[in-house]
Amino acid sequence: MKPRESDHISAASAAALEGVSFTYAGGGRAALQQLRFELRRGEMVGIMGASGAGKSTLAKCLNRIVPRFEDGEFGGVVRISGRALDGERVCDIAPMVGMVFQDFEAQLFSTNVAHEVAFAMEQIGLPRKEIAARIGPALDAVGLAGFDDRDPTSLSGGEKQRLAIASVLALRPGVVVLDEPTSDLDPEGKAEVFALIRRMREQGLSLVVIEHEAEELRNCDRIVVLRDGEIIVDGPPAEVMIRLALLEECGVHPPDVNRVMALIGIERHAASIDEAEAIIRARYPRLPAVHEETAAITDRASAQAGATVEDTPALLRVDHLSFAYPFGPRVLDDVCLEIAAGEFIAIIGQNGSGKTTLAKHLVGLIATGEGKIKIGGRDRATLHAAETAHQVGYVFQNPDHQIFAATVADEVAFGPRNFGLDDAEIARRSEEVLSAVNLTAERERDPFLLSKGERQRLAVASVLALRPRVLILDEPTTGLDYREQRRMMGLIGDLNRAGIAIVMITHTPWLVAEYARRVVLLRKGRVMFDGDVREFFTRDELLANSSFRPPEATLLGRRFGVAALRPDELADWITGHA
């Protein structure tokens, strides 16, 4: 499946890279190495690979951001519809190749939705009449008809991403490139964007979609996997998606249904849960056809989880907390919550449901409005910031918001030093936490030269140096590839087993299923569910109302009557009941 150097690239292709290499200025190695890539007309190609594999660099080559806006050494030829781009400006290519970036909010800055869509058209010099004629169809295409006068900042995450896509579609390009278009979205927002991508494909656009989650790309025509700036796999999903070990090695999360089948000896690709069920039943026809066991398994697990929480005194207690930002509606509405030692809680909910606001209340970043928060039995409002920090640590979604020191060692030592610890204790704690997050060898490096995953682990280390009893992590895996996600979650799991209570805010269903033991679901600032993970994933009406989709292993397990949370758990059950 790896392309050969002699492979022919058609002059009639939608886009092509011919022997393209690029090394960023100051980079130690090439981001792309003699890359040959073709996107055929009307084709949808998924691009996957670890962080730093070259995915975004490939995308930027297609619209001349590389090398026009990025310093470095470029070689090779890029063609759009057979036309070589040598010497072209980015603005010349914009009507041909539309680009939707991972940080979609960085693309939005106008005062209303209509102006946002018009902006790019104005930059390429379209007549005012033509601009006006294109705004409506572009908004209609992304499901935002009638939003013309809305302030973009008032939109949901999914709506903002669709607006960014509308701004691109208004230029009417033949090729659209989407760089991790759903990485910051809740499940509902993700579903909206991928539904739009399907419609764009049906309209005949040529699409390049960069993603870490393989399940989202099953319906592509081809999957391309990059490693160290080279294409190592290029083929249809049915061939690529069964190479589980290779995908994981390349920082890609393989489809869970394929993982389940591989664990029970079936090397097949399933394009859907229906297909996976049919394949498994054909191999194991004696498996139950009804859901008789699901409730019993759920009740046992829920009872066990409840007993654990009830028998442990609360470290942190929230009593009837309500809060509203100035001139806005309530963001938190009568929230009650208890967190005990050693718990692992996932706080979930749609964007805007109040998750981060609640977390900031717990650590004192926001003064309590109505209600009370108690830490170790004491009113948080009466505690000094240092006392709160010793009890509850908080790691931001973006680690760059809490990293500022010149070296990794200084970053970790900052908190203990400000709390007046002596040099020997600071050194001991620094070594301890750097070892825990596997950054000892990086202690003298500039934090901002670390990878995103390393910066995330450094942020955790700087909080751990204060030895909190509760650690709150806001979207700890956002922007990380699958290997980095597993490494981060392995660290968090180790901390939890050491006795630290973990509160994880996340949109990712498989993280909730595989790591958390309790789920707190927020919707419009209210707690809609607080209980066992396995029970949560069997509450169909609750899941539908919260737009939270269970992991595919869980959905597949329910076809056989088992409330499984992980692929290996389901595989063990199938082999035990076959």
Protein backbone atom coordinates (compact mmCIF):
# COMPACT_ATOMS: atom_id res chain seq x y z
CA MET A 1 0.00 0.00 0.00
CA LYS A 2 2.99 2.32 0.20
CA PRO A 3 3.26 4.31 -3.06
CA ARG A 4 6.26 3.63 -5.27
CA GLU A 5 8.48 6.37 -6.67
CA SER A 6 7.37 5.35 -10.16
CA ASP A 7 3.65 5.71 -9.37
CA HIS A 8 2.04 7.98 -11.96
CA ILE A 9 0.36 11.21 -10.83
CA SER A 10 -2.28 12.28 -13.32
CA ALA A 11 -2.15 15.82 -14.66
CA ALA A 12 -5.95 15.85 -14.28
CA SER A 13 -5.87 15.20 -10.52
CA ALA A 14 -7.47 17.72 -8.17
CA ALA A 15 -4.19 18.19 -6.29
CA ALA A 16 -0.77 16.58 -6.26
CA LEU A 17 2.58 16.82 -4.51
CA GLU A 18 5.49 15.60 -6.61
CA GLY A 19 8.68 14.88 -4.71
CA VAL A 20 7.94 17.59 -2.13
CA SER A 21 10.39 18.13 0.72
CA PHE A 22 10.31 20.85 3.35
CA THR A 23 12.45 21.62 6.37
CA TYR A 24 11.37 24.42 8.70
CA ALA A 25 13.97 27.07 9.47
CA GLY A 26 15.92 25.86 12.47
CA GLY A 27 14.33 22.40 12.22
CA GLY A 28 16.52 19.43 12.94
CA ARG A 29 14.91 17.19 10.34
CA ALA A 30 12.71 17.43 7.28
CA ALA A 31 8.98 17.82 7.93
CA LEU A 32 8.30 16.26 4.51
CA GLN A 33 10.69 13.97 2.64
CA GLN A 34 10.32 13.55 -1.13
CA LEU A 35 6.57 13.20 -0.71
CA ARG A 36 4.37 12.01 -3.57
CA PHE A 37 0.66 12.48 -2.94
CA GLU A 38 -2.40 12.69 -5.20
CA LEU A 39 -5.96 13.77 -4.51
CA ARG A 40 -8.28 12.74 -7.33
CA ARG A 41 -11.30 14.78 -8.37
CA GLY A 42 -14.29 14.18 -6.10
CA GLU A 43 -12.22 12.04 -3.75
CA MET A 44 -12.13 12.21 0.05
CA VAL A 45 -8.75 11.32 1.53
CA GLY A 46 -8.12 10.96 5.25
CA ILE A 47 -4.66 11.89 6.52
CA MET A 48 -3.50 10.34 9.81
CA GLY A 49 -0.29 10.13 11.79
CA ALA A 50 1.39 11.14 15.03
CA SER A 51 2.05 14.74 16.03
CA GLY A 52 5.00 15.95 13.98
CA ALA A 53 4.46 13.38 11.22
CA GLY A 54 3.96 16.12 8.60
CA LYS A 55 0.16 16.18 8.26
CA SER A 56 -0.34 19.93 8.67
CA THR A 57 2.75 20.69 6.59
CA LEU A 58 1.32 18.61 3.74
CA ALA A 59 -1.97 20.53 4.03
CA LYS A 60 -0.22 23.91 4.00
CA CYS A 61 1.68 22.96 0.85
CA LEU A 62 -1.62 22.61 -0.99
CA ASN A 63 -2.49 26.31 -0.60
CA ARG A 64 1.09 27.72 -0.58
CA ILE A 65 1.18 28.69 3.11
CA VAL A 66 4.26 26.47 2.86
CA PRO A 67 6.62 27.83 1.67
CA ARG A 68 5.24 31.41 1.27
CA PHE A 69 4.39 32.06 4.96
CA GLU A 70 6.69 29.54 6.64
CA ASP A 71 10.46 29.99 6.55
CA GLY A 72 12.39 26.94 5.47
CA GLU A 73 13.87 24.95 2.62
CA PHE A 74 11.32 23.77 0.04
CA GLY A 75 11.74 21.44 -2.90
CA GLY A 76 9.46 19.68 -5.36
CA VAL A 77 6.29 20.66 -7.25
CA VAL A 78 2.72 21.19 -6.04
CA ARG A 79 -0.06 21.08 -8.63
CA ILE A 80 -3.72 22.05 -8.37
CA SER A 81 -5.83 20.77 -11.29
CA GLY A 82 -2.56 20.16 -13.13
CA ARG A 83 -1.30 23.72 -12.63
CA ALA A 84 2.08 24.04 -10.94
CA LEU A 85 2.03 26.54 -8.07
CA ASP A 86 5.65 27.70 -8.36
CA GLY A 87 5.76 31.41 -7.61
CA GLU A 88 2.03 31.72 -6.86
CA ARG A 89 0.78 33.78 -3.92
CA VAL A 90 -1.50 32.36 -1.24
CA CYS A 91 -4.28 34.76 -2.26
CA ASP A 92 -4.07 33.40 -5.82
CA ILE A 93 -4.65 29.86 -4.58
CA ALA A 94 -7.43 30.64 -2.05
CA PRO A 95 -10.24 30.37 -4.64
CA MET A 96 -8.87 26.96 -5.67
CA VAL A 97 -7.97 25.39 -2.31
CA GLY A 98 -9.94 26.21 0.84
CA MET A 99 -8.29 25.62 4.22
CA VAL A 100 -10.08 25.12 7.55
CA PHE A 101 -7.59 25.16 10.41
CA GLN A 102 -7.60 23.11 13.62
CA ASP A 103 -8.00 26.31 15.67
CA PHE A 104 -11.13 27.42 13.82
CA GLU A 105 -11.77 30.30 16.23
CA ALA A 106 -8.55 31.93 15.00
CA GLN A 107 -10.24 32.25 11.59
CA LEU A 108 -13.23 34.15 12.99
CA PHE A 109 -12.95 37.85 13.81
CA SER A 110 -15.78 39.77 12.11
CA THR A 111 -18.66 41.42 13.94
CA ASN A 112 -21.38 39.28 12.41
CA VAL A 113 -21.76 36.02 10.50
CA ALA A 114 -22.44 37.60 7.10
CA HIS A 115 -19.33 39.81 7.33
CA GLU A 116 -17.30 36.74 8.29
CA VAL A 117 -18.36 34.91 5.14
CA ALA A 118 -17.76 38.01 3.02
CA PHE A 119 -14.26 38.73 4.31
CA ALA A 120 -12.28 36.19 2.26
CA MET A 121 -14.22 37.08 -0.90
CA GLU A 122 -13.35 40.75 -0.38
CA GLN A 123 -9.66 39.87 -0.04
CA ILE A 124 -9.57 38.23 -3.46
CA GLY A 125 -11.38 41.16 -5.07
CA LEU A 126 -14.78 39.73 -5.94
CA PRO A 127 -17.36 42.37 -6.96
CA ARG A 128 -19.69 43.50 -4.16
CA LYS A 129 -22.74 42.13 -5.98
CA GLU A 130 -21.14 38.71 -6.36
CA ILE A 131 -20.15 38.68 -2.69
CA ALA A 132 -23.72 39.42 -1.62
CA ALA A 133 -25.03 36.68 -3.90
CA ARG A 134 -22.73 34.05 -2.41
CA ILE A 135 -23.28 34.67 1.32
CA GLY A 136 -26.75 33.12 1.54
CA PRO A 137 -25.93 29.88 -0.35
CA ALA A 138 -22.72 29.41 1.68
CA LEU A 139 -24.58 29.75 5.01
CA ASP A 140 -27.39 27.53 3.77
CA ALA A 141 -24.85 24.85 2.77
CA VAL A 142 -23.56 24.60 6.34
CA GLY A 143 -26.95 24.82 8.06
CA LEU A 144 -26.58 28.45 9.22
CA ALA A 145 -29.27 30.07 7.09
CA GLY A 146 -30.75 33.03 8.96
CA PHE A 147 -27.66 33.53 11.11
CA ASP A 148 -26.44 36.52 9.05
CA ASP A 149 -26.64 39.09 11.87
CA ARG A 150 -25.43 36.85 14.72
CA ASP A 151 -22.17 37.69 16.50
CA PRO A 152 -19.77 34.77 15.81
CA THR A 153 -18.75 34.73 19.48
CA SER A 154 -22.34 33.84 20.42
CA LEU A 155 -22.29 30.62 18.38
CA SER A 156 -21.67 27.14 19.75
CA GLY A 157 -18.41 25.37 18.97
CA GLY A 158 -19.98 23.34 16.16
CA GLU A 159 -21.65 26.44 14.71
CA LYS A 160 -18.33 28.34 14.75
CA GLN A 161 -16.62 25.52 12.88
CA ARG A 162 -19.42 25.41 10.32
CA LEU A 163 -19.10 29.18 9.90
CA ALA A 164 -15.37 28.79 9.22
CA ILE A 165 -16.25 26.19 6.58
CA ALA A 166 -18.90 28.50 5.08
CA SER A 167 -16.26 31.22 4.67
CA VAL A 168 -14.20 28.75 2.68
CA LEU A 169 -17.12 27.40 0.63
CA ALA A 170 -18.11 30.94 -0.42
CA LEU A 171 -14.89 31.07 -2.44
CA ARG A 172 -16.15 27.98 -4.32
CA PRO A 173 -12.87 26.06 -4.28
CA GLY A 174 -12.58 22.65 -5.91
CA VAL A 175 -10.42 21.36 -3.05
CA VAL A 176 -11.17 21.78 0.67
CA VAL A 177 -8.61 20.86 3.34
CA LEU A 178 -9.78 20.37 6.93
CA ASP A 179 -7.03 20.12 9.55
CA GLU A 180 -8.44 18.26 12.58
CA PRO A 181 -11.76 20.10 12.22
CA THR A 182 -13.39 18.64 15.35
CA SER A 183 -10.57 18.50 17.91
CA ASP A 184 -12.10 21.11 20.27
CA LEU A 185 -15.74 20.16 19.77
CA ASP A 186 -18.20 18.26 21.93
CA PRO A 187 -19.84 15.12 20.43
CA GLU A 188 -22.78 17.12 19.07
CA GLY A 189 -20.45 19.60 17.38
CA LYS A 190 -18.40 16.75 15.90
CA ALA A 191 -21.51 15.12 14.50
CA GLU A 192 -22.57 18.43 12.91
CA VAL A 193 -19.21 18.92 11.22
CA PHE A 194 -18.90 15.38 9.89
CA ALA A 195 -22.48 15.52 8.58
CA LEU A 196 -21.44 18.67 6.71
CA ILE A 197 -18.30 16.93 5.39
CA ARG A 198 -20.51 14.13 4.02
CA ARG A 199 -22.68 16.69 2.23
CA MET A 200 -19.61 18.41 0.78
CA ARG A 201 -18.43 15.06 -0.54
CA GLU A 202 -21.84 14.36 -2.11
CA GLN A 203 -21.57 17.71 -3.91
CA GLY A 204 -18.40 16.52 -5.64
CA LEU A 205 -15.79 18.54 -3.74
CA SER A 206 -12.33 17.03 -3.40
CA LEU A 207 -11.60 16.73 0.32
CA VAL A 208 -8.54 16.23 2.51
CA VAL A 209 -9.45 15.56 6.15
CA ILE A 210 -6.75 15.32 8.83
CA GLU A 211 -7.83 13.33 11.90
CA HIS A 212 -6.40 11.31 14.83
CA GLU A 213 -9.52 9.18 15.34
CA ALA A 214 -9.72 6.49 12.66
CA GLU A 215 -13.44 5.85 13.24
CA GLU A 216 -14.25 9.27 11.79
CA LEU A 217 -12.50 8.45 8.52
CA ARG A 218 -13.99 5.04 7.74
CA ASN A 219 -16.05 6.46 4.87
CA CYS A 220 -13.10 8.04 3.06
CA ASP A 221 -12.09 6.76 -0.36
CA ARG A 222 -8.50 6.42 0.83
CA ILE A 223 -6.51 6.64 4.03
CA VAL A 224 -2.96 8.01 4.02
CA VAL A 225 -0.75 7.46 7.06
CA LEU A 226 2.34 9.64 7.54
CA ARG A 227 5.39 8.95 9.67
CA ASP A 228 8.43 11.25 9.89
CA GLY A 229 7.39 13.16 6.77
CA GLU A 230 6.86 10.08 4.59
CA ILE A 231 3.78 8.19 3.45
CA ILE A 232 4.01 4.68 4.82
CA VAL A 233 0.45 3.54 4.07
CA ASP A 234 -1.92 4.63 1.30
CA GLY A 235 -5.00 2.56 0.59
CA PRO A 236 -8.74 2.05 1.08
CA PRO A 237 -10.08 1.96 4.66
CA ALA A 238 -10.77 -1.78 4.47
CA GLU A 239 -7.05 -2.41 4.03
CA VAL A 240 -5.61 0.29 6.28
CA MET A 241 -7.99 -0.02 9.25
CA ILE A 242 -7.03 -3.62 10.04
CA ARG A 243 -3.36 -2.76 10.52
CA LEU A 244 -3.93 -2.05 14.19
CA ALA A 245 -0.36 -2.29 15.45
CA LEU A 246 0.93 0.00 12.70
CA LEU A 247 -1.81 2.57 13.32
CA GLU A 248 -1.07 2.66 17.05
CA GLU A 249 2.67 2.92 16.34
CA CYS A 250 1.88 5.93 14.14
CA GLY A 251 -0.17 7.69 16.83
CA VAL A 252 -3.58 6.74 15.45
CA HIS A 253 -6.50 5.36 17.46
CA PRO A 254 -7.76 2.34 15.44
CA PRO A 255 -11.52 1.68 15.22
CA ASP A 256 -12.66 -0.09 18.37
CA VAL A 257 -14.86 -2.55 16.48
CA ASN A 258 -11.86 -3.72 14.46
CA ARG A 259 -9.89 -4.04 17.69
CA VAL A 260 -12.65 -6.21 19.21
CA MET A 261 -12.70 -8.47 16.16
CA ALA A 262 -8.91 -8.79 16.11
CA LEU A 263 -8.93 -9.87 19.76
CA ILE A 264 -11.34 -12.71 18.95
CA GLY A 265 -9.41 -13.83 15.89
CA ILE A 266 -11.26 -12.02 13.10
CA GLU A 267 -9.02 -9.90 10.87
CA ARG A 268 -11.70 -7.87 9.10
CA HIS A 269 -12.69 -4.24 8.70
CA ALA A 270 -16.22 -3.26 9.71
CA ALA A 271 -17.57 -0.05 8.21
CA SER A 272 -20.26 0.17 10.91
CA ILE A 273 -21.47 -1.41 14.15
CA ASP A 274 -24.16 -3.26 12.16
CA GLU A 275 -21.48 -4.81 9.96
CA ALA A 276 -19.31 -5.71 12.96
CA GLU A 277 -22.23 -7.45 14.65
CA ALA A 278 -23.02 -9.44 11.49
CA ILE A 279 -19.39 -10.53 11.10
CA ILE A 280 -19.13 -11.64 14.74
CA ARG A 281 -22.46 -13.49 14.69
CA ALA A 282 -21.44 -15.31 11.52
CA ARG A 283 -18.31 -16.57 13.32
CA TYR A 284 -20.04 -17.18 16.68
CA PRO A 285 -23.72 -18.03 15.96
CA ARG A 286 -24.44 -19.14 19.56
CA LEU A 287 -24.07 -15.64 21.01
CA PRO A 288 -27.29 -14.27 22.60
CA ALA A 289 -29.55 -12.21 20.38
CA VAL A 290 -31.27 -10.19 23.15
CA HIS A 291 -30.16 -7.72 25.79
CA GLU A 292 -31.09 -9.84 28.81
CA GLU A 293 -27.84 -9.34 30.73
CA THR A 294 -27.26 -5.61 30.35
CA ALA A 295 -29.35 -4.36 33.29
CA ALA A 296 -27.98 -6.92 35.75
CA ILE A 297 -24.36 -6.08 34.95
CA THR A 298 -25.09 -2.38 35.22
CA ASP A 299 -26.83 -2.70 38.58
CA ARG A 300 -23.94 -4.64 40.11
CA ALA A 301 -21.33 -2.16 38.90
CA SER A 302 -23.41 0.81 39.99
CA ALA A 303 -23.93 -0.62 43.48
CA GLN A 304 -20.21 -1.28 43.89
CA ALA A 305 -19.29 2.25 42.78
CA GLY A 306 -21.90 3.77 45.09
CA ALA A 307 -20.64 1.84 48.08
CA THR A 308 -17.08 3.03 47.45
CA VAL A 309 -18.08 6.70 47.40
CA GLU A 310 -20.41 6.48 50.39
CA ASP A 311 -17.77 4.81 52.58
CA THR A 312 -15.16 7.52 51.91
CA PRO A 313 -15.39 11.03 53.46
CA ALA A 314 -15.56 13.88 50.96
CA LEU A 315 -12.41 15.87 50.25
CA LEU A 316 -14.39 18.44 48.32
CA ARG A 317 -18.05 19.32 48.63
CA VAL A 318 -20.18 21.63 46.48
CA ASP A 319 -23.49 22.73 48.00
CA HIS A 320 -26.14 24.37 45.80
CA LEU A 321 -23.67 26.36 43.71
CA SER A 322 -25.11 28.83 41.20
CA PHE A 323 -23.22 31.38 39.12
CA ALA A 324 -23.69 33.79 36.22
CA TYR A 325 -21.13 35.93 34.43
CA PRO A 326 -21.96 39.67 34.35
CA PHE A 327 -24.98 40.43 32.14
CA GLY A 328 -25.28 36.76 31.16
CA PRO A 329 -27.57 33.82 31.97
CA ARG A 330 -26.80 31.31 34.71
CA VAL A 331 -23.84 29.13 33.82
CA LEU A 332 -24.16 26.97 36.96
CA ASP A 333 -27.57 26.26 38.44
CA ASP A 334 -27.88 24.65 41.89
CA VAL A 335 -24.93 22.28 41.47
CA CYS A 336 -24.32 19.77 44.28
CA LEU A 337 -21.27 17.50 44.16
CA GLU A 338 -18.99 15.51 46.44
CA ILE A 339 -15.50 14.26 45.59
CA ALA A 340 -13.85 11.63 47.79
CA ALA A 341 -10.24 10.48 48.05
CA GLY A 342 -9.10 8.19 45.24
CA GLU A 343 -12.08 8.81 42.96
CA PHE A 344 -11.77 9.12 39.18
CA ILE A 345 -14.57 11.33 37.91
CA ALA A 346 -15.29 12.43 34.34
CA ILE A 347 -17.22 15.68 34.00
CA ILE A 348 -18.91 15.78 30.60
CA GLY A 349 -21.43 17.89 28.75
CA GLN A 350 -21.85 20.02 25.67
CA ASN A 351 -19.75 23.12 25.08
CA GLY A 352 -21.20 25.86 27.29
CA SER A 353 -22.70 23.46 29.84
CA GLY A 354 -20.59 24.90 32.69
CA LYS A 355 -17.81 22.31 33.04
CA THR A 356 -14.83 24.68 33.07
CA THR A 357 -16.69 27.27 35.13
CA LEU A 358 -17.33 24.61 37.77
CA ALA A 359 -13.67 23.55 37.74
CA LYS A 360 -12.51 27.15 38.19
CA HIS A 361 -14.83 27.52 41.17
CA LEU A 362 -13.33 24.43 42.79
CA VAL A 363 -9.82 25.91 42.74
CA GLY A 364 -10.82 29.46 43.58
CA LEU A 365 -10.20 31.06 40.17
CA ILE A 366 -13.78 32.33 40.33
CA ALA A 367 -15.34 33.69 43.52
CA THR A 368 -18.35 31.68 44.61
CA GLY A 369 -21.71 33.25 43.87
CA GLU A 370 -24.66 31.47 45.49
CA GLY A 371 -23.89 28.31 47.44
CA LYS A 372 -20.77 26.97 49.17
CA ILE A 373 -17.68 24.97 48.37
CA LYS A 374 -15.91 23.12 51.18
CA ILE A 375 -12.40 21.68 50.94
CA GLY A 376 -11.50 19.26 53.71
CA GLY A 377 -14.56 20.47 55.61
CA ARG A 378 -13.52 24.15 55.45
CA ASP A 379 -15.27 26.87 53.47
CA ARG A 380 -13.13 27.54 50.40
CA ALA A 381 -13.95 31.25 50.62
CA THR A 382 -12.04 31.44 53.91
CA LEU A 383 -8.93 29.64 52.62
CA HIS A 384 -5.80 31.39 51.42
CA ALA A 385 -4.86 30.61 47.80
CA ALA A 386 -1.88 28.57 48.99
CA GLU A 387 -4.10 26.43 51.21
CA THR A 388 -6.43 25.73 48.29
CA ALA A 389 -3.49 24.87 46.01
CA HIS A 390 -2.21 22.32 48.54
CA GLN A 391 -5.58 20.58 48.36
CA VAL A 392 -6.78 21.04 44.77
CA GLY A 393 -4.63 21.35 41.65
CA TYR A 394 -5.86 22.51 38.23
CA VAL A 395 -4.33 21.81 34.81
CA PHE A 396 -5.68 24.04 32.02
CA GLN A 397 -6.82 22.69 28.66
CA ASN A 398 -4.04 24.70 27.02
CA PRO A 399 -0.82 24.11 29.00
CA ASP A 400 0.66 27.31 27.55
CA HIS A 401 -1.74 29.26 29.77
CA GLN A 402 0.15 28.16 32.89
CA ILE A 403 3.74 27.75 31.67
CA PHE A 404 6.05 30.77 31.80
CA ALA A 405 9.46 29.86 33.29
CA ALA A 406 12.72 29.78 31.32
CA THR A 407 13.44 26.09 31.98
CA VAL A 408 11.48 22.96 32.80
CA ALA A 409 13.19 22.78 36.23
CA ASP A 410 12.26 26.38 37.05
CA GLU A 411 8.67 25.76 36.01
CA VAL A 412 8.29 22.83 38.39
CA ALA A 413 10.07 24.62 41.24
CA PHE A 414 7.97 27.79 40.96
CA GLY A 415 5.06 26.71 43.17
CA PRO A 416 7.05 25.13 46.01
CA ARG A 417 9.44 28.12 46.01
CA ASN A 418 6.56 30.57 46.36
CA PHE A 419 5.17 28.55 49.23
CA GLY A 420 8.43 29.05 51.12
CA LEU A 421 9.85 25.52 50.99
CA ASP A 422 13.60 25.19 51.47
CA ASP A 423 15.94 24.44 48.57
CA ALA A 424 16.45 20.80 49.55
CA GLU A 425 12.71 20.10 49.62
CA ILE A 426 12.19 21.96 46.34
CA ALA A 427 14.92 19.88 44.68
CA ARG A 428 13.49 16.65 46.07
CA ARG A 429 9.96 17.41 44.89
CA SER A 430 11.18 18.59 41.49
CA GLU A 431 13.07 15.37 40.86
CA GLU A 432 10.12 13.33 42.08
CA VAL A 433 7.54 14.94 39.79
CA LEU A 434 9.82 15.20 36.74
CA SER A 435 10.49 11.49 37.08
CA ALA A 436 6.75 10.80 37.39
CA VAL A 437 6.02 12.59 34.10
CA ASN A 438 9.16 11.28 32.36
CA LEU A 439 10.75 14.71 31.84
CA THR A 440 13.91 14.37 33.91
CA ALA A 441 16.13 14.53 30.84
CA GLU A 442 14.39 17.75 29.72
CA ARG A 443 14.94 19.69 32.97
CA GLU A 444 17.19 22.37 31.39
CA ARG A 445 15.13 22.84 28.21
CA ASP A 446 12.93 25.80 27.35
CA PRO A 447 9.34 24.62 28.05
CA PHE A 448 8.06 26.21 24.84
CA LEU A 449 10.39 24.06 22.76
CA LEU A 450 8.73 20.90 24.07
CA SER A 451 6.01 19.06 22.16
CA LYS A 452 2.36 19.64 23.09
CA GLY A 453 2.27 16.34 24.98
CA GLU A 454 5.44 17.20 26.88
CA ARG A 455 4.10 20.66 27.78
CA GLN A 456 0.91 19.03 29.03
CA ARG A 457 2.92 16.67 31.24
CA LEU A 458 5.02 19.59 32.48
CA ALA A 459 1.85 21.45 33.50
CA VAL A 460 0.77 18.36 35.45
CA ALA A 461 4.23 18.14 37.09
CA SER A 462 4.14 21.79 38.20
CA VAL A 463 0.81 21.17 39.92
CA LEU A 464 1.92 17.84 41.42
CA ALA A 465 4.90 19.55 43.07
CA LEU A 466 2.38 21.09 45.48
CA ARG A 467 1.08 17.60 46.34
CA PRO A 468 -2.65 18.24 45.95
CA ARG A 469 -5.20 15.67 47.08
CA VAL A 470 -7.51 16.43 44.13
CA LEU A 471 -6.25 17.00 40.57
CA ILE A 472 -8.58 18.63 38.02
CA LEU A 473 -7.63 18.30 34.35
CA ASP A 474 -9.50 20.25 31.68
CA GLU A 475 -9.45 18.30 28.40
CA PRO A 476 -6.02 16.73 29.12
CA THR A 477 -5.77 14.96 25.73
CA THR A 478 -6.91 17.71 23.33
CA GLY A 479 -4.45 18.13 20.48
CA LEU A 480 -2.50 14.99 21.39
CA ASP A 481 -2.06 12.01 19.09
CA TYR A 482 -3.12 8.56 20.28
CA ARG A 483 0.31 7.60 21.67
CA GLU A 484 0.47 10.86 23.63
CA GLN A 485 -3.12 10.38 24.83
CA ARG A 486 -2.26 6.94 26.16
CA ARG A 487 0.91 8.26 27.79
CA MET A 488 -0.98 11.11 29.44
CA MET A 489 -3.79 8.85 30.63
CA GLY A 490 -1.27 6.31 31.90
CA LEU A 491 0.27 9.07 34.04
CA ILE A 492 -3.14 10.19 35.30
CA GLY A 493 -4.05 6.57 36.11
CA ASP A 494 -0.83 6.14 38.09
CA LEU A 495 -1.58 9.28 40.09
CA ASN A 496 -5.07 8.04 40.82
CA ARG A 497 -3.78 4.66 42.00
CA ALA A 498 -1.39 6.56 44.29
CA GLY A 499 -4.44 8.03 46.02
CA ILE A 500 -5.00 11.37 44.21
CA ALA A 501 -8.63 12.02 43.33
CA ILE A 502 -8.92 12.79 39.60
CA VAL A 503 -11.54 15.06 38.04
CA MET A 504 -11.24 14.98 34.24
CA ILE A 505 -13.22 17.27 31.94
CA THR A 506 -13.48 15.62 28.53
CA HIS A 507 -15.55 15.23 25.37
CA THR A 508 -13.96 11.89 24.43
CA PRO A 509 -16.21 8.87 25.08
CA TRP A 510 -13.49 6.20 25.10
CA LEU A 511 -11.52 8.09 27.75
CA VAL A 512 -14.60 8.17 29.97
CA ALA A 513 -15.28 4.46 29.42
CA GLU A 514 -11.73 3.19 29.89
CA TYR A 515 -10.49 5.38 32.75
CA ALA A 516 -13.28 7.03 34.76
CA ARG A 517 -15.34 5.24 37.40
CA ARG A 518 -17.96 7.94 37.85
CA VAL A 519 -19.64 10.35 35.43
CA VAL A 520 -21.04 13.80 36.18
CA LEU A 521 -23.10 15.11 33.27
CA LEU A 522 -23.81 18.84 33.10
CA ARG A 523 -26.43 20.37 30.84
CA LYS A 524 -27.15 24.11 30.91
CA GLY A 525 -25.39 24.37 34.24
CA ARG A 526 -27.35 21.63 36.00
CA VAL A 527 -26.24 18.15 37.05
CA MET A 528 -28.30 15.73 34.94
CA PHE A 529 -26.50 12.55 36.01
CA ASP A 530 -24.02 11.62 38.71
CA GLY A 531 -23.19 7.94 38.92
CA ASP A 532 -21.46 4.87 37.59
CA VAL A 533 -19.90 4.97 34.12
CA ARG A 534 -21.38 1.64 33.00
CA GLU A 535 -24.86 2.71 34.01
CA PHE A 536 -24.49 6.04 32.22
CA PHE A 537 -23.69 4.34 28.92
CA THR A 538 -26.89 2.27 29.09
CA ARG A 539 -29.20 5.26 29.64
CA ASP A 540 -30.35 5.78 26.05
CA GLU A 541 -32.68 8.72 26.62
CA LEU A 542 -30.11 10.54 28.77
CA LEU A 543 -27.39 9.98 26.16
CA ALA A 544 -29.63 11.24 23.36
CA ASN A 545 -30.64 14.36 25.28
CA SER A 546 -27.02 15.14 26.13
CA SER A 547 -25.76 14.37 22.59
CA PHE A 548 -23.12 12.07 24.07
CA ARG A 549 -22.43 8.93 22.06
CA PRO A 550 -21.02 5.86 23.84
CA PRO A 551 -17.77 4.32 22.54
CA GLU A 552 -18.28 1.88 19.68
CA ALA A 553 -17.14 -1.07 21.81
CA THR A 554 -19.99 -0.25 24.21
CA LEU A 555 -22.55 0.13 21.43
CA LEU A 556 -21.41 -3.15 19.89
CA GLY A 557 -21.54 -4.93 23.25
CA ARG A 558 -25.14 -3.91 23.78
CA ARG A 559 -26.08 -5.77 20.59
CA PHE A 560 -25.15 -8.92 22.53
CA GLY A 561 -26.65 -7.85 25.85
CA VAL A 562 -23.43 -6.90 27.64
CA ALA A 563 -22.53 -3.48 29.05
CA ALA A 564 -18.86 -3.54 28.02
CA LEU A 565 -16.68 -0.45 28.34
CA ARG A 566 -13.47 -1.52 26.58
CA PRO A 567 -12.67 -3.59 23.48
CA ASP A 568 -10.74 -6.19 25.51
CA GLU A 569 -13.63 -6.50 27.97
CA LEU A 570 -16.09 -7.19 25.15
CA ALA A 571 -13.69 -9.61 23.43
CA ASP A 572 -13.28 -11.60 26.66
CA TRP A 573 -17.05 -11.77 27.07
CA ILE A 574 -17.59 -12.96 23.47
CA THR A 575 -14.99 -15.73 23.70
CA GLY A 576 -16.46 -16.79 27.05
CA HIS A 577 -19.99 -17.04 25.64
CA ALA A 578 -19.31 -18.33 22.12
